[in-house]
């Protein structure tokens, strides 16, 4: 493996609002309200799209649970 990221890898690193809502279990309004309060990662404009960096959302999720063992998704059923 060369360590270079593919286009698919790069696309997975950018998440739209629908994915962010699922991963954080927050509503669209809650996300934007928290952003305005400075309590949520800022979105980034990518052409006409608005996206969040996966690493920013990972960090947010880890901070919410406090121990950094968040995994991929706050809304994920961890028992499955």
PDB file of N, CA and C in Angstrom:
ATOM      1  N   UNK A   1       0.854  -1.183   0.000  1.00  0.00           N
ATOM      2  CA  UNK A   1       0.000   0.000   0.000  1.00  0.00           C
ATOM      3  C   UNK A   1       0.892   1.236   0.000  1.00  0.00           C
ATOM      4  N   UNK A   2       0.623   2.175  -0.852  1.00  0.00           N
ATOM      5  CA  UNK A   2       1.488   3.346  -1.012  1.00  0.00           C
ATOM      6  C   UNK A   2       1.215   4.443   0.001  1.00  0.00           C
ATOM      7  N   UNK A   3       0.111   4.377   0.705  1.00  0.00           N
ATOM      8  CA  UNK A   3      -0.211   5.418   1.674  1.00  0.00           C
ATOM      9  C   UNK A   3      -0.945   6.595   1.063  1.00  0.00           C
ATOM     10  N   UNK A   4      -1.067   6.611  -0.267  1.00  0.00           N
ATOM     11  CA  UNK A   4      -1.798   7.691  -0.936  1.00  0.00           C
ATOM     12  C   UNK A   4      -3.292   7.435  -0.821  1.00  0.00           C
ATOM     13  N   UNK A   5      -4.034   8.506  -0.630  1.00  0.00           N
ATOM     14  CA  UNK A   5      -5.481   8.381  -0.536  1.00  0.00           C
ATOM     15  C   UNK A   5      -6.093   8.382  -1.935  1.00  0.00           C
ATOM     16  N   UNK A   6      -7.113   7.548  -2.091  1.00  0.00           N
ATOM     17  CA  UNK A   6      -7.853   7.501  -3.343  1.00  0.00           C
ATOM     18  C   UNK A   6      -8.970   8.539  -3.295  1.00  0.00           C
ATOM     19  N   UNK A   7      -9.624   8.730  -4.417  1.00  0.00           N
ATOM     20  CA  UNK A   7     -10.759   9.654  -4.469  1.00  0.00           C
ATOM     21  C   UNK A   7     -11.856   9.208  -3.505  1.00  0.00           C
ATOM     22  N   UNK A   8     -12.061   7.890  -3.396  1.00  0.00           N
ATOM     23  CA  UNK A   8     -13.077   7.373  -2.473  1.00  0.00           C
ATOM     24  C   UNK A   8     -12.698   7.674  -1.024  1.00  0.00           C
ATOM     25  N   UNK A   9     -11.406   7.545  -0.694  1.00  0.00           N
ATOM     26  CA  UNK A   9     -10.941   7.866   0.656  1.00  0.00           C
ATOM     27  C   UNK A   9     -11.199   9.328   0.974  1.00  0.00           C
ATOM     28  N   UNK A  10     -10.872  10.195   0.032  1.00  0.00           N
ATOM     29  CA  UNK A  10     -11.055  11.629   0.241  1.00  0.00           C
ATOM     30  C   UNK A  10     -12.526  11.972   0.394  1.00  0.00           C
ATOM     31  N   UNK A  11     -13.381  11.333  -0.403  1.00  0.00           N
ATOM     32  CA  UNK A  11     -14.821  11.589  -0.302  1.00  0.00           C
ATOM     33  C   UNK A  11     -15.347  11.135   1.051  1.00  0.00           C
ATOM     34  N   UNK A  12     -14.832  10.031   1.575  1.00  0.00           N
ATOM     35  CA  UNK A  12     -15.269   9.543   2.886  1.00  0.00           C
ATOM     36  C   UNK A  12     -14.823  10.475   4.008  1.00  0.00           C
ATOM     37  N   UNK A  13     -13.783  11.245   3.770  1.00  0.00           N
ATOM     38  CA  UNK A  13     -13.286  12.195   4.765  1.00  0.00           C
ATOM     39  C   UNK A  13     -14.161  13.441   4.855  1.00  0.00           C
ATOM     40  N   UNK A  14     -15.072  13.619   3.907  1.00  0.00           N
ATOM     41  CA  UNK A  14     -15.964  14.771   3.870  1.00  0.00           C
ATOM     42  C   UNK A  14     -17.396  14.277   4.026  1.00  0.00           C
ATOM     43  N   UNK A  15     -18.096  14.816   5.014  1.00  0.00           N
ATOM     44  CA  UNK A  15     -19.434  14.320   5.310  1.00  0.00           C
ATOM     45  C   UNK A  15     -20.461  15.439   5.215  1.00  0.00           C
ATOM     46  N   UNK A  16     -21.578  15.128   4.541  1.00  0.00           N
ATOM     47  CA  UNK A  16     -22.623  16.135   4.407  1.00  0.00           C
ATOM     48  C   UNK A  16     -23.510  16.138   5.653  1.00  0.00           C
ATOM     49  N   UNK A  17     -24.438  17.065   5.689  1.00  0.00           N
ATOM     50  CA  UNK A  17     -25.272  17.277   6.871  1.00  0.00           C
ATOM     51  C   UNK A  17     -26.041  16.024   7.257  1.00  0.00           C
ATOM     52  N   UNK A  18     -26.503  15.260   6.292  1.00  0.00           N
ATOM     53  CA  UNK A  18     -27.276  14.050   6.592  1.00  0.00           C
ATOM     54  C   UNK A  18     -26.426  13.038   7.364  1.00  0.00           C
ATOM     55  N   UNK A  19     -25.194  12.861   6.950  1.00  0.00           N
ATOM     56  CA  UNK A  19     -24.289  11.932   7.635  1.00  0.00           C
ATOM     57  C   UNK A  19     -23.954  12.459   9.022  1.00  0.00           C
ATOM     58  N   UNK A  20     -23.691  13.753   9.116  1.00  0.00           N
ATOM     59  CA  UNK A  20     -23.356  14.360  10.410  1.00  0.00           C
ATOM     60  C   UNK A  20     -24.531  14.226  11.379  1.00  0.00           C
ATOM     61  N   UNK A  21     -25.738  14.396  10.894  1.00  0.00           N
ATOM     62  CA  UNK A  21     -26.918  14.244  11.742  1.00  0.00           C
ATOM     63  C   UNK A  21     -27.011  12.818  12.291  1.00  0.00           C
ATOM     64  N   UNK A  22     -26.766  11.838  11.454  1.00  0.00           N
ATOM     65  CA  UNK A  22     -26.836  10.440  11.886  1.00  0.00           C
ATOM     66  C   UNK A  22     -25.716  10.138  12.872  1.00  0.00           C
ATOM     67  N   UNK A  23     -24.503  10.560  12.551  1.00  0.00           N
ATOM     68  CA  UNK A  23     -23.355  10.244  13.407  1.00  0.00           C
ATOM     69  C   UNK A  23     -23.459  10.877  14.784  1.00  0.00           C
ATOM     70  N   UNK A  24     -24.047  12.061  14.867  1.00  0.00           N
ATOM     71  CA  UNK A  24     -24.108  12.771  16.146  1.00  0.00           C
ATOM     72  C   UNK A  24     -25.444  12.624  16.856  1.00  0.00           C
ATOM     73  N   UNK A  25     -26.431  12.103  16.179  1.00  0.00           N
ATOM     74  CA  UNK A  25     -27.805  12.002  16.710  1.00  0.00           C
ATOM     75  C   UNK A  25     -28.372  13.380  17.032  1.00  0.00           C
ATOM     76  N   UNK A  26     -27.934  14.385  16.305  1.00  0.00           N
ATOM     77  CA  UNK A  26     -28.441  15.748  16.477  1.00  0.00           C
ATOM     78  C   UNK A  26     -29.283  16.128  15.268  1.00  0.00           C
ATOM     79  N   UNK A  27     -30.261  16.985  15.488  1.00  0.00           N
ATOM     80  CA  UNK A  27     -31.066  17.502  14.386  1.00  0.00           C
ATOM     81  C   UNK A  27     -30.263  18.568  13.638  1.00  0.00           C
ATOM     82  N   UNK A  28     -30.711  18.878  12.453  1.00  0.00           N
ATOM     83  CA  UNK A  28     -30.091  19.937  11.650  1.00  0.00           C
ATOM     84  C   UNK A  28     -30.058  21.248  12.438  1.00  0.00           C
ATOM     85  N   UNK A  29     -31.192  21.593  13.067  1.00  0.00           N
ATOM     86  CA  UNK A  29     -31.265  22.841  13.825  1.00  0.00           C
ATOM     87  C   UNK A  29     -30.284  22.835  14.994  1.00  0.00           C
ATOM     88  N   UNK A  30     -30.170  21.699  15.672  1.00  0.00           N
ATOM     89  CA  UNK A  30     -29.235  21.601  16.804  1.00  0.00           C
ATOM     90  C   UNK A  30     -27.788  21.770  16.349  1.00  0.00           C
ATOM     91  N   UNK A  31     -27.455  21.194  15.220  1.00  0.00           N
ATOM     92  CA  UNK A  31     -26.090  21.320  14.692  1.00  0.00           C
ATOM     93  C   UNK A  31     -25.779  22.783  14.417  1.00  0.00           C
ATOM     94  N   UNK A  32     -26.664  23.466  13.696  1.00  0.00           N
ATOM     95  CA  UNK A  32     -26.403  24.864  13.351  1.00  0.00           C
ATOM     96  C   UNK A  32     -26.446  25.771  14.586  1.00  0.00           C
ATOM     97  N   UNK A  33     -27.306  25.464  15.544  1.00  0.00           N
ATOM     98  CA  UNK A  33     -27.351  26.244  16.783  1.00  0.00           C
ATOM     99  C   UNK A  33     -26.038  26.073  17.553  1.00  0.00           C
ATOM    100  N   UNK A  34     -25.556  24.839  17.667  1.00  0.00           N
ATOM    101  CA  UNK A  34     -24.290  24.588  18.354  1.00  0.00           C
ATOM    102  C   UNK A  34     -23.119  25.246  17.622  1.00  0.00           C
ATOM    103  N   UNK A  35     -23.169  25.265  16.300  1.00  0.00           N
ATOM    104  CA  UNK A  35     -22.117  25.951  15.543  1.00  0.00           C
ATOM    105  C   UNK A  35     -22.106  27.433  15.876  1.00  0.00           C
ATOM    106  N   UNK A  36     -23.287  28.038  15.926  1.00  0.00           N
ATOM    107  CA  UNK A  36     -23.390  29.470  16.239  1.00  0.00           C
ATOM    108  C   UNK A  36     -22.873  29.768  17.643  1.00  0.00           C
ATOM    109  N   UNK A  37     -23.037  28.806  18.546  1.00  0.00           N
ATOM    110  CA  UNK A  37     -22.561  28.964  19.923  1.00  0.00           C
ATOM    111  C   UNK A  37     -21.078  28.612  20.060  1.00  0.00           C
ATOM    112  N   UNK A  38     -20.492  28.098  19.003  1.00  0.00           N
ATOM    113  CA  UNK A  38     -19.088  27.697  19.048  1.00  0.00           C
ATOM    114  C   UNK A  38     -18.866  26.336  19.679  1.00  0.00           C
ATOM    115  N   UNK A  39     -19.935  25.525  19.766  1.00  0.00           N
ATOM    116  CA  UNK A  39     -19.854  24.216  20.401  1.00  0.00           C
ATOM    117  C   UNK A  39     -19.916  23.055  19.420  1.00  0.00           C
ATOM    118  N   UNK A  40     -19.673  23.325  18.143  1.00  0.00           N
ATOM    119  CA  UNK A  40     -19.720  22.276  17.125  1.00  0.00           C
ATOM    120  C   UNK A  40     -18.768  22.679  16.008  1.00  0.00           C
ATOM    121  N   UNK A  41     -18.120  21.704  15.367  1.00  0.00           N
ATOM    122  CA  UNK A  41     -17.189  22.042  14.282  1.00  0.00           C
ATOM    123  C   UNK A  41     -17.868  22.835  13.162  1.00  0.00           C
ATOM    124  N   UNK A  42     -17.130  23.751  12.593  1.00  0.00           N
ATOM    125  CA  UNK A  42     -17.641  24.554  11.476  1.00  0.00           C
ATOM    126  C   UNK A  42     -17.675  23.730  10.201  1.00  0.00           C
ATOM    127  N   UNK A  43     -18.668  23.992   9.386  1.00  0.00           N
ATOM    128  CA  UNK A  43     -18.755  23.342   8.092  1.00  0.00           C
ATOM    129  C   UNK A  43     -17.790  24.009   7.116  1.00  0.00           C
ATOM    130  N   UNK A  44     -17.562  23.357   6.007  1.00  0.00           N
ATOM    131  CA  UNK A  44     -16.671  23.891   4.971  1.00  0.00           C
ATOM    132  C   UNK A  44     -17.399  23.872   3.641  1.00  0.00           C
ATOM    133  N   UNK A  45     -17.213  24.912   2.879  1.00  0.00           N
ATOM    134  CA  UNK A  45     -17.824  24.982   1.557  1.00  0.00           C
ATOM    135  C   UNK A  45     -16.908  24.293   0.562  1.00  0.00           C
ATOM    136  N   UNK A  46     -17.488  23.422  -0.225  1.00  0.00           N
ATOM    137  CA  UNK A  46     -16.763  22.715  -1.272  1.00  0.00           C
ATOM    138  C   UNK A  46     -17.593  22.876  -2.539  1.00  0.00           C
ATOM    139  N   UNK A  47     -17.326  23.937  -3.269  1.00  0.00           N
ATOM    140  CA  UNK A  47     -18.167  24.272  -4.407  1.00  0.00           C
ATOM    141  C   UNK A  47     -19.554  24.622  -3.898  1.00  0.00           C
ATOM    142  N   UNK A  48     -20.559  23.940  -4.409  1.00  0.00           N
ATOM    143  CA  UNK A  48     -21.934  24.180  -3.982  1.00  0.00           C
ATOM    144  C   UNK A  48     -22.290  23.370  -2.731  1.00  0.00           C
ATOM    145  N   UNK A  49     -21.420  22.442  -2.352  1.00  0.00           N
ATOM    146  CA  UNK A  49     -21.686  21.565  -1.210  1.00  0.00           C
ATOM    147  C   UNK A  49     -21.179  22.174   0.091  1.00  0.00           C
ATOM    148  N   UNK A  50     -21.860  21.815   1.162  1.00  0.00           N
ATOM    149  CA  UNK A  50     -21.402  22.132   2.510  1.00  0.00           C
ATOM    150  C   UNK A  50     -21.080  20.810   3.181  1.00  0.00           C
ATOM    151  N   UNK A  51     -19.866  20.677   3.688  1.00  0.00           N
ATOM    152  CA  UNK A  51     -19.414  19.421   4.275  1.00  0.00           C
ATOM    153  C   UNK A  51     -18.671  19.676   5.574  1.00  0.00           C
ATOM    154  N   UNK A  52     -18.524  18.623   6.351  1.00  0.00           N
ATOM    155  CA  UNK A  52     -17.704  18.643   7.558  1.00  0.00           C
ATOM    156  C   UNK A  52     -16.600  17.628   7.383  1.00  0.00           C
ATOM    157  N   UNK A  53     -15.446  17.922   7.944  1.00  0.00           N
ATOM    158  CA  UNK A  53     -14.348  16.968   7.920  1.00  0.00           C
ATOM    159  C   UNK A  53     -14.671  15.845   8.900  1.00  0.00           C
ATOM    160  N   UNK A  54     -14.507  14.607   8.465  1.00  0.00           N
ATOM    161  CA  UNK A  54     -14.771  13.455   9.321  1.00  0.00           C
ATOM    162  C   UNK A  54     -13.968  13.550  10.614  1.00  0.00           C
ATOM    163  N   UNK A  55     -12.740  14.002  10.522  1.00  0.00           N
ATOM    164  CA  UNK A  55     -11.894  14.097  11.722  1.00  0.00           C
ATOM    165  C   UNK A  55     -12.471  15.091  12.730  1.00  0.00           C
ATOM    166  N   UNK A  56     -13.078  16.175  12.249  1.00  0.00           N
ATOM    167  CA  UNK A  56     -13.708  17.145  13.156  1.00  0.00           C
ATOM    168  C   UNK A  56     -14.899  16.523  13.878  1.00  0.00           C
ATOM    169  N   UNK A  57     -15.696  15.746  13.147  1.00  0.00           N
ATOM    170  CA  UNK A  57     -16.859  15.108  13.751  1.00  0.00           C
ATOM    171  C   UNK A  57     -16.417  13.994  14.697  1.00  0.00           C
ATOM    172  N   UNK A  58     -15.379  13.247  14.318  1.00  0.00           N
ATOM    173  CA  UNK A  58     -14.828  12.225  15.218  1.00  0.00           C
ATOM    174  C   UNK A  58     -14.403  12.857  16.541  1.00  0.00           C
ATOM    175  N   UNK A  59     -13.712  13.992  16.452  1.00  0.00           N
ATOM    176  CA  UNK A  59     -13.228  14.683  17.649  1.00  0.00           C
ATOM    177  C   UNK A  59     -14.401  15.159  18.507  1.00  0.00           C
ATOM    178  N   UNK A  60     -15.418  15.726  17.868  1.00  0.00           N
ATOM    179  CA  UNK A  60     -16.606  16.176  18.589  1.00  0.00           C
ATOM    180  C   UNK A  60     -17.254  15.004  19.328  1.00  0.00           C
ATOM    181  N   UNK A  61     -17.436  13.891  18.638  1.00  0.00           N
ATOM    182  CA  UNK A  61     -18.062  12.717  19.246  1.00  0.00           C
ATOM    183  C   UNK A  61     -17.241  12.215  20.431  1.00  0.00           C
ATOM    184  N   UNK A  62     -15.928  12.183  20.287  1.00  0.00           N
ATOM    185  CA  UNK A  62     -15.057  11.732  21.373  1.00  0.00           C
ATOM    186  C   UNK A  62     -15.171  12.657  22.574  1.00  0.00           C
ATOM    187  N   UNK A  63     -15.265  13.957  22.332  1.00  0.00           N
ATOM    188  CA  UNK A  63     -15.400  14.915  23.430  1.00  0.00           C
ATOM    189  C   UNK A  63     -16.729  14.748  24.147  1.00  0.00           C
ATOM    190  N   UNK A  64     -17.777  14.407  23.405  1.00  0.00           N
ATOM    191  CA  UNK A  64     -19.099  14.239  24.006  1.00  0.00           C
ATOM    192  C   UNK A  64     -19.093  13.093  25.009  1.00  0.00           C
ATOM    193  N   UNK A  65     -18.442  12.004  24.667  1.00  0.00           N
ATOM    194  CA  UNK A  65     -18.438  10.881  25.600  1.00  0.00           C
ATOM    195  C   UNK A  65     -17.283  10.965  26.592  1.00  0.00           C
ATOM    196  N   UNK A  66     -16.308  11.823  26.319  1.00  0.00           N
ATOM    197  CA  UNK A  66     -15.286  12.136  27.296  1.00  0.00           C
ATOM    198  C   UNK A  66     -14.080  11.236  27.373  1.00  0.00           C
ATOM    199  N   UNK A  67     -14.111  10.079  26.727  1.00  0.00           N
ATOM    200  CA  UNK A  67     -12.948   9.211  26.884  1.00  0.00           C
ATOM    201  C   UNK A  67     -12.258   8.861  25.575  1.00  0.00           C
ATOM    202  N   UNK A  68     -12.704   9.416  24.465  1.00  0.00           N
ATOM    203  CA  UNK A  68     -12.040   9.188  23.187  1.00  0.00           C
ATOM    204  C   UNK A  68     -12.310   7.835  22.557  1.00  0.00           C
ATOM    205  N   UNK A  69     -13.206   7.025  23.098  1.00  0.00           N
ATOM    206  CA  UNK A  69     -13.476   5.710  22.524  1.00  0.00           C
ATOM    207  C   UNK A  69     -14.791   5.692  21.751  1.00  0.00           C
ATOM    208  N   UNK A  70     -15.125   6.815  21.157  1.00  0.00           N
ATOM    209  CA  UNK A  70     -16.406   7.002  20.503  1.00  0.00           C
ATOM    210  C   UNK A  70     -16.663   5.979  19.405  1.00  0.00           C
ATOM    211  N   UNK A  71     -15.675   5.637  18.609  1.00  0.00           N
ATOM    212  CA  UNK A  71     -15.914   4.803  17.448  1.00  0.00           C
ATOM    213  C   UNK A  71     -16.425   5.646  16.311  1.00  0.00           C
ATOM    214  N   UNK A  72     -17.188   5.053  15.442  1.00  0.00           N
ATOM    215  CA  UNK A  72     -17.622   5.736  14.231  1.00  0.00           C
ATOM    216  C   UNK A  72     -18.858   6.603  14.414  1.00  0.00           C
ATOM    217  N   UNK A  73     -19.744   6.278  15.336  1.00  0.00           N
ATOM    218  CA  UNK A  73     -21.050   6.913  15.284  1.00  0.00           C
ATOM    219  C   UNK A  73     -21.728   6.976  16.646  1.00  0.00           C
ATOM    220  N   UNK A  74     -22.185   8.152  17.027  1.00  0.00           N
ATOM    221  CA  UNK A  74     -22.911   8.270  18.287  1.00  0.00           C
ATOM    222  C   UNK A  74     -24.244   7.535  18.221  1.00  0.00           C
ATOM    223  N   UNK A  75     -24.866   7.523  17.052  1.00  0.00           N
ATOM    224  CA  UNK A  75     -26.171   6.901  16.907  1.00  0.00           C
ATOM    225  C   UNK A  75     -26.095   5.421  16.598  1.00  0.00           C
ATOM    226  N   UNK A  76     -24.910   4.867  16.480  1.00  0.00           N
ATOM    227  CA  UNK A  76     -24.728   3.471  16.132  1.00  0.00           C
ATOM    228  C   UNK A  76     -25.122   2.568  17.282  1.00  0.00           C
ATOM    229  N   UNK A  77     -25.778   1.469  16.988  1.00  0.00           N
ATOM    230  CA  UNK A  77     -26.116   0.492  18.000  1.00  0.00           C
ATOM    231  C   UNK A  77     -24.866  -0.339  18.263  1.00  0.00           C
ATOM    232  N   UNK A  78     -24.184  -0.062  19.364  1.00  0.00           N
ATOM    233  CA  UNK A  78     -22.908  -0.706  19.657  1.00  0.00           C
ATOM    234  C   UNK A  78     -23.074  -2.166  20.035  1.00  0.00           C
ATOM    235  N   UNK A  79     -24.283  -2.599  20.359  1.00  0.00           N
ATOM    236  CA  UNK A  79     -24.514  -4.004  20.717  1.00  0.00           C
ATOM    237  C   UNK A  79     -24.591  -4.880  19.486  1.00  0.00           C
ATOM    238  N   UNK A  80     -24.817  -4.267  18.333  1.00  0.00           N
ATOM    239  CA  UNK A  80     -24.986  -5.040  17.092  1.00  0.00           C
ATOM    240  C   UNK A  80     -23.676  -5.573  16.580  1.00  0.00           C
TER     241      UNK A  80
END
